[in-house]
Amino acid sequence: MKKPKKPASVTVNRRAHYDYQLGEELSCGMLLSGPEVRLIRDHHVQLKGSFVTVKNGELWLNNLTLGADTERNIKLLATRKQILSLMRAKQDGYQLVPVRLLAGGRYIKLVIATGKSKKKYDKRETIKKRDLERGRY
């Protein structure tokens, strides 16, 4: 019997870790068409500049760059309970940030996290810690 493939990361939003203090993560499915799936599996996708919103009790991924600079809005698939917890977090001042896109086996999933925006001095502190860990100073 074959073991199912573990999802491999197609793309990562590196800017998310720099701009936000990330909290809990949630893995969501995506409502995609055939050509969109092919573009994602061929790594023609960017999460840079994309964000997640809640409209009419549904999750939407906005400004996903697919292919040659075409930005799309894509519906995300999550349970009602998960959406309500994300809406509560949004009311508490958190933002919904797409972190990475996973494609392995049959499904394509998006990992989103709740995040608080970092101030400029927090970003400088992050850079300082990273440089100290690398042994630059």
Foldseek 3Di string as FASTA:
>chain_A
DDDFWDWDFLDFDPVCVLFWDWDDKDKWFWDDDDVQVVQSVVSQWDQPPWFWDADPQWIWIWQIQTHPRDTDIITIHDDSVVSVVVVVLVVVVWGKGFGTWTDGGDTIITMITTTHGDDPVVSVVVVVVVCVVVPVD
